Each structure stands twice: as C-alpha cells, then as structure tokens.
N, C-alpha and C. Protein backbone atom coordinates (compact mmCIF):
# COMPACT_ATOMS: atom_id res chain seq x y z
N MET A 1 20.29 -15.98 72.00
CA MET A 1 20.18 -15.17 70.83
C MET A 1 20.62 -13.73 71.18
N GLN A 2 20.28 -13.24 72.31
CA GLN A 2 20.59 -11.87 72.74
C GLN A 2 22.10 -11.70 72.75
N GLU A 3 22.81 -12.71 73.27
CA GLU A 3 24.31 -12.66 73.20
C GLU A 3 24.78 -12.46 71.84
N ALA A 4 24.35 -13.27 70.87
CA ALA A 4 24.85 -13.21 69.47
C ALA A 4 24.48 -11.92 68.92
N VAL A 5 23.27 -11.43 69.09
CA VAL A 5 22.88 -10.04 68.58
C VAL A 5 23.89 -9.03 69.05
N ASP A 6 24.10 -9.04 70.38
CA ASP A 6 24.97 -7.96 70.98
C ASP A 6 26.39 -8.14 70.48
N LYS A 7 26.89 -9.35 70.29
CA LYS A 7 28.23 -9.55 69.99
C LYS A 7 28.45 -9.36 68.54
N TRP A 8 27.63 -9.77 67.66
CA TRP A 8 27.91 -9.89 66.21
C TRP A 8 27.35 -8.81 65.27
N THR A 9 26.32 -8.13 65.71
CA THR A 9 25.60 -7.15 64.86
C THR A 9 26.68 -6.12 64.24
N ASN A 10 27.42 -5.41 65.08
CA ASN A 10 28.37 -4.42 64.64
C ASN A 10 29.53 -5.03 63.85
N ILE A 11 29.97 -6.22 64.31
CA ILE A 11 31.07 -6.86 63.61
C ILE A 11 30.62 -7.27 62.11
N LYS A 12 29.46 -7.68 61.93
CA LYS A 12 28.91 -8.02 60.63
C LYS A 12 28.83 -6.73 59.76
N LYS A 13 28.44 -5.63 60.35
CA LYS A 13 28.38 -4.35 59.59
C LYS A 13 29.73 -3.99 59.06
N ILE A 14 30.73 -4.22 59.92
CA ILE A 14 32.16 -3.84 59.46
C ILE A 14 32.76 -4.80 58.44
N HIS A 15 32.45 -6.13 58.74
CA HIS A 15 32.99 -7.24 57.89
C HIS A 15 31.88 -7.84 57.09
N LYS A 16 31.58 -7.26 55.92
CA LYS A 16 30.44 -7.61 55.07
C LYS A 16 30.45 -9.11 54.57
N ASN A 17 31.64 -9.61 54.38
CA ASN A 17 31.80 -11.00 54.02
C ASN A 17 31.73 -12.11 55.06
N LEU A 18 31.64 -11.73 56.31
CA LEU A 18 31.51 -12.58 57.36
C LEU A 18 30.18 -13.37 57.29
N LYS A 19 30.28 -14.72 57.40
CA LYS A 19 29.04 -15.55 57.40
C LYS A 19 28.95 -16.19 58.74
N LEU A 20 27.80 -16.04 59.41
CA LEU A 20 27.50 -16.54 60.73
C LEU A 20 26.60 -17.83 60.67
N HIS A 21 26.92 -18.72 61.45
CA HIS A 21 26.10 -20.02 61.48
C HIS A 21 25.48 -20.11 62.83
N MET A 22 24.18 -20.36 62.83
CA MET A 22 23.33 -20.63 63.99
C MET A 22 23.33 -22.09 64.20
N ILE A 23 23.90 -22.68 65.25
CA ILE A 23 24.02 -24.07 65.35
C ILE A 23 23.23 -24.66 66.52
N GLY A 24 22.69 -23.80 67.31
CA GLY A 24 21.84 -24.33 68.51
C GLY A 24 20.44 -24.32 68.21
N LYS A 25 19.70 -24.69 69.18
CA LYS A 25 18.24 -24.72 69.06
C LYS A 25 17.69 -23.27 68.83
N LEU A 26 16.87 -23.13 67.80
CA LEU A 26 16.27 -21.86 67.48
C LEU A 26 14.84 -21.89 67.86
N GLN A 27 14.40 -20.99 68.82
CA GLN A 27 13.03 -20.90 69.19
C GLN A 27 12.25 -20.03 68.20
N THR A 28 10.96 -20.33 67.95
CA THR A 28 10.18 -19.47 67.01
C THR A 28 10.19 -17.98 67.33
N ASN A 29 10.19 -17.75 68.58
CA ASN A 29 10.02 -16.28 69.06
C ASN A 29 11.38 -15.54 68.88
N LYS A 30 12.48 -16.26 68.43
CA LYS A 30 13.80 -15.63 68.23
C LYS A 30 14.09 -15.52 66.73
N VAL A 31 13.20 -15.95 65.87
CA VAL A 31 13.45 -15.97 64.42
C VAL A 31 13.68 -14.55 63.92
N LYS A 32 12.87 -13.61 64.44
CA LYS A 32 12.99 -12.21 63.97
C LYS A 32 14.40 -11.62 64.29
N TYR A 33 15.14 -12.19 65.23
CA TYR A 33 16.49 -11.79 65.48
C TYR A 33 17.47 -12.62 64.67
N ALA A 34 17.26 -13.86 64.48
CA ALA A 34 18.18 -14.73 63.89
C ALA A 34 18.27 -14.50 62.35
N VAL A 35 17.18 -14.29 61.67
CA VAL A 35 17.18 -14.16 60.15
C VAL A 35 18.05 -13.00 59.71
N PRO A 36 18.00 -11.81 60.40
CA PRO A 36 18.81 -10.71 59.96
C PRO A 36 20.26 -10.96 60.18
N LEU A 37 20.57 -11.65 61.25
CA LEU A 37 21.99 -11.78 61.71
C LEU A 37 22.69 -12.92 61.05
N PHE A 38 22.07 -14.08 61.00
CA PHE A 38 22.75 -15.34 60.55
C PHE A 38 22.64 -15.55 59.03
N ASP A 39 23.60 -16.36 58.51
CA ASP A 39 23.58 -16.65 57.08
C ASP A 39 23.18 -18.14 56.92
N TYR A 40 23.47 -18.95 58.03
CA TYR A 40 23.13 -20.38 57.98
C TYR A 40 22.41 -20.71 59.26
N ILE A 41 21.50 -21.62 59.09
CA ILE A 41 20.85 -22.18 60.32
C ILE A 41 21.02 -23.69 60.23
N HIS A 42 21.63 -24.30 61.22
CA HIS A 42 21.90 -25.74 61.23
C HIS A 42 20.83 -26.60 61.93
N SER A 43 19.73 -25.96 62.41
CA SER A 43 18.82 -26.68 63.33
C SER A 43 17.33 -26.48 63.07
N LEU A 44 16.97 -26.54 61.74
CA LEU A 44 15.55 -26.51 61.50
C LEU A 44 14.91 -27.85 61.86
N ASP A 45 13.99 -27.82 62.83
CA ASP A 45 13.52 -29.05 63.43
C ASP A 45 12.02 -29.19 63.52
N ASN A 46 11.22 -28.27 62.92
CA ASN A 46 9.79 -28.39 63.01
C ASN A 46 9.13 -27.42 62.00
N ILE A 47 7.93 -27.79 61.58
CA ILE A 47 7.18 -26.86 60.56
C ILE A 47 6.85 -25.55 61.00
N LYS A 48 6.56 -25.33 62.29
CA LYS A 48 6.29 -24.05 62.84
C LYS A 48 7.46 -23.08 62.69
N LEU A 49 8.60 -23.62 63.04
CA LEU A 49 9.84 -22.84 62.86
C LEU A 49 10.13 -22.53 61.36
N ALA A 50 9.85 -23.57 60.48
CA ALA A 50 10.10 -23.32 59.05
C ALA A 50 9.21 -22.22 58.50
N GLU A 51 7.96 -22.26 58.94
CA GLU A 51 7.04 -21.19 58.50
C GLU A 51 7.48 -19.83 58.93
N LYS A 52 7.93 -19.79 60.23
CA LYS A 52 8.40 -18.41 60.74
C LYS A 52 9.62 -17.93 59.99
N ILE A 53 10.55 -18.85 59.70
CA ILE A 53 11.77 -18.37 58.96
C ILE A 53 11.41 -17.99 57.54
N SER A 54 10.46 -18.68 56.96
CA SER A 54 10.07 -18.32 55.59
C SER A 54 9.40 -16.89 55.52
N LYS A 55 8.61 -16.59 56.48
CA LYS A 55 7.93 -15.32 56.56
C LYS A 55 8.87 -14.21 56.82
N GLU A 56 9.82 -14.48 57.72
CA GLU A 56 10.82 -13.47 58.08
C GLU A 56 11.84 -13.17 56.96
N GLN A 57 12.19 -14.26 56.27
CA GLN A 57 13.12 -14.17 55.02
C GLN A 57 12.42 -13.28 53.92
N GLU A 58 11.15 -13.59 53.74
CA GLU A 58 10.37 -12.90 52.72
C GLU A 58 10.31 -11.35 53.01
N LYS A 59 10.10 -11.11 54.34
CA LYS A 59 9.97 -9.73 54.72
C LYS A 59 11.30 -8.96 54.52
N LEU A 60 12.43 -9.63 54.80
CA LEU A 60 13.73 -9.05 54.74
C LEU A 60 14.47 -9.28 53.34
N LYS A 61 13.86 -9.97 52.45
CA LYS A 61 14.42 -10.30 51.16
C LYS A 61 15.79 -10.98 51.35
N LYS A 62 15.81 -12.03 52.21
CA LYS A 62 17.00 -12.70 52.48
C LYS A 62 16.78 -14.21 52.36
N ASN A 63 17.81 -14.93 51.97
CA ASN A 63 17.69 -16.33 51.69
C ASN A 63 18.82 -16.98 52.39
N LEU A 64 18.46 -17.51 53.61
CA LEU A 64 19.43 -18.24 54.42
C LEU A 64 19.77 -19.72 53.82
N LYS A 65 20.84 -20.18 54.22
CA LYS A 65 21.17 -21.61 53.88
C LYS A 65 20.90 -22.39 55.10
N ILE A 66 20.03 -23.36 54.87
CA ILE A 66 19.43 -24.10 56.04
C ILE A 66 19.68 -25.54 56.02
N PHE A 67 19.97 -26.09 57.18
CA PHE A 67 20.07 -27.59 57.39
C PHE A 67 18.84 -28.00 58.21
N ILE A 68 18.30 -29.16 57.75
CA ILE A 68 17.15 -29.81 58.57
C ILE A 68 17.86 -30.71 59.55
N GLN A 69 17.44 -30.49 60.83
CA GLN A 69 17.97 -31.42 61.91
C GLN A 69 17.12 -32.66 61.86
N VAL A 70 17.87 -33.83 61.75
CA VAL A 70 17.20 -35.07 61.79
C VAL A 70 17.46 -35.80 63.04
N ASN A 71 16.37 -36.29 63.64
CA ASN A 71 16.56 -37.12 64.90
C ASN A 71 16.91 -38.54 64.44
N ILE A 72 18.15 -38.66 64.13
CA ILE A 72 18.61 -39.97 63.50
C ILE A 72 18.49 -41.19 64.38
N GLY A 73 18.48 -40.99 65.69
CA GLY A 73 18.33 -42.08 66.64
C GLY A 73 16.91 -42.23 67.12
N ASN A 74 16.00 -41.45 66.58
CA ASN A 74 14.53 -41.54 67.05
C ASN A 74 14.46 -41.41 68.53
N GLU A 75 15.24 -40.48 69.10
CA GLU A 75 15.22 -40.29 70.56
C GLU A 75 14.18 -39.29 71.00
N PRO A 76 13.27 -39.74 71.87
CA PRO A 76 12.19 -38.84 72.22
C PRO A 76 12.64 -37.57 72.97
N GLN A 77 13.80 -37.53 73.64
CA GLN A 77 14.21 -36.28 74.28
C GLN A 77 14.87 -35.35 73.33
N LYS A 78 15.19 -35.65 72.05
CA LYS A 78 15.93 -34.79 71.12
C LYS A 78 15.01 -34.12 70.15
N SER A 79 15.40 -33.00 69.71
CA SER A 79 14.67 -32.30 68.66
C SER A 79 15.11 -32.93 67.38
N GLY A 80 14.39 -32.59 66.30
CA GLY A 80 14.73 -33.05 64.92
C GLY A 80 13.50 -33.74 64.34
N ILE A 81 13.61 -33.81 62.98
CA ILE A 81 12.61 -34.45 62.23
C ILE A 81 12.85 -35.98 62.29
N LEU A 82 11.80 -36.80 62.51
CA LEU A 82 11.93 -38.21 62.44
C LEU A 82 12.06 -38.68 61.05
N MET A 83 12.84 -39.76 60.88
CA MET A 83 13.20 -40.28 59.52
C MET A 83 11.86 -40.50 58.67
N ASN A 84 10.85 -41.01 59.31
CA ASN A 84 9.57 -41.27 58.58
C ASN A 84 8.95 -40.04 58.02
N ASP A 85 9.28 -38.85 58.65
CA ASP A 85 8.63 -37.57 58.27
C ASP A 85 9.54 -36.74 57.43
N LEU A 86 10.76 -37.16 57.17
CA LEU A 86 11.77 -36.33 56.52
C LEU A 86 11.35 -35.95 55.08
N GLU A 87 10.98 -36.90 54.29
CA GLU A 87 10.65 -36.57 52.86
C GLU A 87 9.55 -35.55 52.80
N ASN A 88 8.45 -35.71 53.47
CA ASN A 88 7.33 -34.80 53.34
C ASN A 88 7.77 -33.38 53.92
N PHE A 89 8.50 -33.44 55.00
CA PHE A 89 8.96 -32.15 55.61
C PHE A 89 9.93 -31.42 54.67
N LEU A 90 10.82 -32.11 54.09
CA LEU A 90 11.75 -31.50 53.08
C LEU A 90 10.88 -30.99 51.92
N LYS A 91 9.97 -31.65 51.37
CA LYS A 91 9.20 -31.17 50.22
C LYS A 91 8.49 -29.86 50.62
N SER A 92 7.78 -29.96 51.80
CA SER A 92 7.07 -28.71 52.26
C SER A 92 8.02 -27.48 52.31
N CYS A 93 9.21 -27.71 52.99
CA CYS A 93 10.13 -26.59 53.12
C CYS A 93 10.59 -26.02 51.85
N VAL A 94 10.84 -26.89 50.89
CA VAL A 94 11.31 -26.38 49.62
C VAL A 94 10.24 -25.81 48.60
N LYS A 95 9.20 -26.63 48.53
CA LYS A 95 8.14 -26.22 47.52
C LYS A 95 7.11 -25.16 48.07
N GLU A 96 6.66 -25.34 49.26
CA GLU A 96 5.70 -24.46 49.75
C GLU A 96 6.31 -23.20 50.45
N LEU A 97 7.27 -23.43 51.28
CA LEU A 97 7.88 -22.31 51.99
C LEU A 97 9.13 -21.67 51.35
N LYS A 98 9.57 -22.21 50.29
CA LYS A 98 10.68 -21.69 49.50
C LYS A 98 12.00 -21.50 50.24
N LEU A 99 12.15 -22.43 51.18
CA LEU A 99 13.51 -22.32 52.00
C LEU A 99 14.52 -23.05 51.19
N ASN A 100 15.76 -22.43 51.39
CA ASN A 100 16.95 -22.98 50.73
C ASN A 100 17.63 -23.98 51.61
N ILE A 101 17.10 -25.27 51.47
CA ILE A 101 17.64 -26.39 52.23
C ILE A 101 18.88 -26.89 51.58
N ILE A 102 20.02 -26.76 52.19
CA ILE A 102 21.25 -27.16 51.53
C ILE A 102 21.80 -28.55 52.08
N GLY A 103 21.22 -29.05 53.19
CA GLY A 103 21.60 -30.30 53.65
C GLY A 103 20.91 -30.67 54.94
N LEU A 104 21.47 -31.82 55.53
CA LEU A 104 20.86 -32.35 56.74
C LEU A 104 21.88 -32.20 57.92
N MET A 105 21.40 -32.23 59.08
CA MET A 105 22.22 -32.21 60.35
C MET A 105 21.75 -33.21 61.23
N CYS A 106 22.66 -33.84 62.02
CA CYS A 106 22.25 -34.77 63.10
C CYS A 106 23.21 -34.73 64.26
N ILE A 107 22.72 -35.19 65.40
CA ILE A 107 23.49 -35.46 66.56
C ILE A 107 23.22 -36.79 66.99
N PRO A 108 24.06 -37.82 66.72
CA PRO A 108 23.83 -39.21 67.05
C PRO A 108 23.59 -39.37 68.54
N PRO A 109 23.00 -40.52 68.94
CA PRO A 109 22.82 -40.80 70.32
C PRO A 109 24.09 -40.93 71.00
N GLN A 110 24.08 -40.45 72.30
CA GLN A 110 25.32 -40.62 73.17
C GLN A 110 25.51 -42.05 73.50
N ASN A 111 26.75 -42.37 73.73
CA ASN A 111 27.19 -43.71 74.14
C ASN A 111 26.82 -44.79 73.19
N GLU A 112 26.69 -44.44 71.91
CA GLU A 112 26.57 -45.46 70.94
C GLU A 112 27.52 -45.18 69.82
N PRO A 113 28.01 -46.20 69.06
CA PRO A 113 28.91 -45.97 67.95
C PRO A 113 28.36 -44.94 66.91
N VAL A 114 29.10 -43.88 66.72
CA VAL A 114 28.58 -42.84 65.78
C VAL A 114 28.63 -43.17 64.38
N LYS A 115 29.62 -44.07 63.95
CA LYS A 115 29.86 -44.27 62.62
C LYS A 115 28.67 -44.77 61.83
N GLU A 116 27.84 -45.68 62.43
CA GLU A 116 26.69 -46.16 61.78
C GLU A 116 25.63 -45.04 61.46
N TYR A 117 25.53 -44.06 62.35
CA TYR A 117 24.66 -42.94 62.21
C TYR A 117 25.17 -41.97 61.11
N PHE A 118 26.48 -41.72 61.19
CA PHE A 118 27.06 -40.85 60.15
C PHE A 118 26.95 -41.41 58.78
N LYS A 119 27.11 -42.76 58.67
CA LYS A 119 26.97 -43.43 57.39
C LYS A 119 25.50 -43.28 56.91
N LYS A 120 24.62 -43.51 57.81
CA LYS A 120 23.17 -43.41 57.39
C LYS A 120 22.83 -42.01 56.95
N MET A 121 23.32 -40.97 57.69
CA MET A 121 23.06 -39.64 57.29
C MET A 121 23.59 -39.32 55.98
N TYR A 122 24.80 -39.76 55.69
CA TYR A 122 25.46 -39.55 54.43
C TYR A 122 24.55 -40.07 53.32
N GLU A 123 24.09 -41.32 53.47
CA GLU A 123 23.27 -41.95 52.47
C GLU A 123 21.97 -41.26 52.27
N ILE A 124 21.31 -40.70 53.36
CA ILE A 124 20.03 -40.02 53.17
C ILE A 124 20.26 -38.68 52.54
N ASN A 125 21.34 -37.98 52.87
CA ASN A 125 21.64 -36.72 52.32
C ASN A 125 21.89 -36.92 50.78
N LYS A 126 22.66 -37.97 50.45
CA LYS A 126 22.81 -38.26 48.98
C LYS A 126 21.51 -38.60 48.28
N PHE A 127 20.68 -39.37 48.96
CA PHE A 127 19.40 -39.79 48.38
C PHE A 127 18.60 -38.54 47.97
N PHE A 128 18.52 -37.55 48.83
CA PHE A 128 17.82 -36.31 48.55
C PHE A 128 18.63 -35.32 47.77
N ASN A 129 19.74 -35.70 47.31
CA ASN A 129 20.63 -34.86 46.44
C ASN A 129 20.97 -33.50 47.04
N LEU A 130 21.23 -33.54 48.38
CA LEU A 130 21.65 -32.37 49.01
C LEU A 130 23.20 -32.31 49.07
N LYS A 131 23.69 -31.07 48.92
CA LYS A 131 25.17 -30.86 48.82
C LYS A 131 25.91 -30.91 50.11
N GLU A 132 25.30 -30.37 51.18
CA GLU A 132 26.02 -30.24 52.46
C GLU A 132 25.52 -31.14 53.58
N LEU A 133 26.35 -31.42 54.53
CA LEU A 133 26.08 -32.23 55.54
C LEU A 133 26.66 -31.80 56.87
N SER A 134 25.94 -31.41 57.88
CA SER A 134 26.39 -30.87 59.06
C SER A 134 26.33 -31.99 60.21
N MET A 135 27.41 -32.54 60.53
CA MET A 135 27.46 -33.53 61.58
C MET A 135 28.89 -33.65 62.11
N GLY A 136 29.04 -34.06 63.36
CA GLY A 136 30.24 -34.04 64.05
C GLY A 136 30.51 -32.98 65.00
N MET A 137 30.84 -33.25 66.18
CA MET A 137 31.18 -32.30 67.13
C MET A 137 32.66 -32.61 67.72
N SER A 138 33.07 -31.89 68.66
CA SER A 138 34.47 -31.94 69.21
C SER A 138 34.90 -33.40 69.41
N GLN A 139 34.05 -34.30 69.90
CA GLN A 139 34.54 -35.63 70.28
C GLN A 139 34.38 -36.67 69.09
N ASP A 140 33.75 -36.27 67.99
CA ASP A 140 33.56 -37.25 66.90
C ASP A 140 33.72 -36.62 65.50
N TYR A 141 34.31 -35.48 65.37
CA TYR A 141 34.32 -34.73 64.11
C TYR A 141 35.18 -35.48 63.07
N LEU A 142 36.19 -36.17 63.46
CA LEU A 142 37.02 -36.95 62.43
C LEU A 142 36.23 -38.07 61.81
N ASP A 143 35.42 -38.74 62.66
CA ASP A 143 34.61 -39.81 62.04
C ASP A 143 33.57 -39.17 61.11
N ALA A 144 32.95 -37.98 61.54
CA ALA A 144 32.00 -37.34 60.71
C ALA A 144 32.57 -36.96 59.39
N ILE A 145 33.77 -36.46 59.40
CA ILE A 145 34.41 -36.05 58.11
C ILE A 145 34.71 -37.20 57.21
N ASN A 146 34.99 -38.37 57.80
CA ASN A 146 35.22 -39.61 57.08
C ASN A 146 33.89 -40.10 56.37
N TYR A 147 32.71 -39.65 56.92
CA TYR A 147 31.50 -40.09 56.38
C TYR A 147 30.85 -38.93 55.70
N GLY A 148 31.65 -37.99 55.16
CA GLY A 148 31.07 -36.95 54.25
C GLY A 148 30.60 -35.66 54.88
N SER A 149 30.86 -35.39 56.22
CA SER A 149 30.43 -34.21 56.69
C SER A 149 31.18 -33.02 56.07
N THR A 150 30.45 -32.04 55.71
CA THR A 150 31.07 -30.76 55.08
C THR A 150 31.12 -29.69 56.04
N TYR A 151 30.41 -29.76 57.13
CA TYR A 151 30.44 -28.82 58.29
C TYR A 151 30.50 -29.56 59.50
N VAL A 152 31.50 -29.22 60.44
CA VAL A 152 31.54 -29.83 61.77
C VAL A 152 31.43 -28.76 62.78
N ARG A 153 30.99 -29.11 64.00
CA ARG A 153 30.72 -28.17 65.08
C ARG A 153 31.56 -28.46 66.13
N ILE A 154 32.73 -27.85 66.22
CA ILE A 154 33.78 -28.15 67.17
C ILE A 154 34.00 -27.04 68.20
N GLY A 155 32.97 -26.36 68.52
CA GLY A 155 33.04 -25.18 69.45
C GLY A 155 33.76 -25.46 70.77
N SER A 156 33.51 -26.45 71.41
CA SER A 156 34.10 -26.66 72.78
C SER A 156 35.57 -26.94 72.70
N ASP A 157 36.10 -27.53 71.67
CA ASP A 157 37.47 -27.69 71.53
C ASP A 157 38.22 -26.37 71.10
N ILE A 158 37.49 -25.45 70.53
CA ILE A 158 38.08 -24.13 70.18
C ILE A 158 37.90 -23.16 71.33
N PHE A 159 36.71 -23.05 71.80
CA PHE A 159 36.38 -22.03 72.75
C PHE A 159 36.30 -22.56 74.21
N GLY A 160 36.37 -23.81 74.40
CA GLY A 160 36.21 -24.36 75.77
C GLY A 160 34.74 -24.62 76.11
N GLN A 161 34.54 -25.31 77.20
CA GLN A 161 33.16 -25.60 77.69
C GLN A 161 32.53 -24.27 78.14
N ARG A 162 31.21 -24.18 77.83
CA ARG A 162 30.42 -23.05 78.20
C ARG A 162 29.85 -23.34 79.66
N SER A 163 29.68 -22.24 80.36
CA SER A 163 29.26 -22.38 81.79
C SER A 163 27.71 -22.26 81.75
C-alpha cells in the first residue's frame, strides 16, 4: 500500500480522470490509505474489511466500485467468500453497509481447468444481476473473457514478474 500511495497520489492529483484499481489483498489496517487513493477494489473478502471500507467511505464522502472476492474452489488457503455465504454477505454489504458492489472476482484453483470455474462465476454473477466480473490473469485471461469477464488482471504480462 505504501508503494501505491507514494507512486500514485501526485499522479492522481494531476490526472483527475485517472481511475486506480486495487487488485491485491487489502488489509483492514490499510483501508484508510486505500479508500482515498483507489476507485475500485477487486478483493473484498470479509465482513470486517467491508465494515472498515464503509466507514472510511462515509467519512470521505466517496463511493468506490467494489468486487466481492469469491473463493470459487473452496480452497482453505485462499481468501474469499465461500459460495454458501455469498448471498448473505452480498446483502449485508449492499443493504447495511451501503457498499457499491458492482461484481464478483475469483482466482480459480491452480492446476485445474479454469473454464468450469469461469463459467460458474459468470452464472453466479448473472444470478445476482451484477454488471461486472473480474476474473482472468496473464495465463488465462482469454478463457476468462470468453466466459464474460469484464476486467482482467494481466499485470505480469505487462510489467513482468515482481521480485
């Protein structure tokens, strides 16, 4: 987060129409830095984080566009809302916390065919009548687009691997 604040704060002041996307894990203690800087968050993955974002947005009179990260493969090592909890989580975010949830995001399990997960995410996103879908990275973004992804995260193909 510190790198993003250092790098983008002045650039955003100069370029008012620039929209920044937070695509990595967002820790609750970094929300106070993320909300003023970013316009989109692709990784809302728990209620504590949702509450913090809601409070910070209210303070700053800002309305971020947010994707809920879904743990589509029910993987214990991954962040994200489990499928069984998604409906209640989404309702809490929208109705109680007044968050602008525009879509869902997922990272399918590694070493498994991604198409079935992308298809499932597309269907779930459509079921909840959400307009945007954030899925697909450098290695699988073409499949993601074929299954309705409106945002792909292809950083390593553009910027190279991070050290």
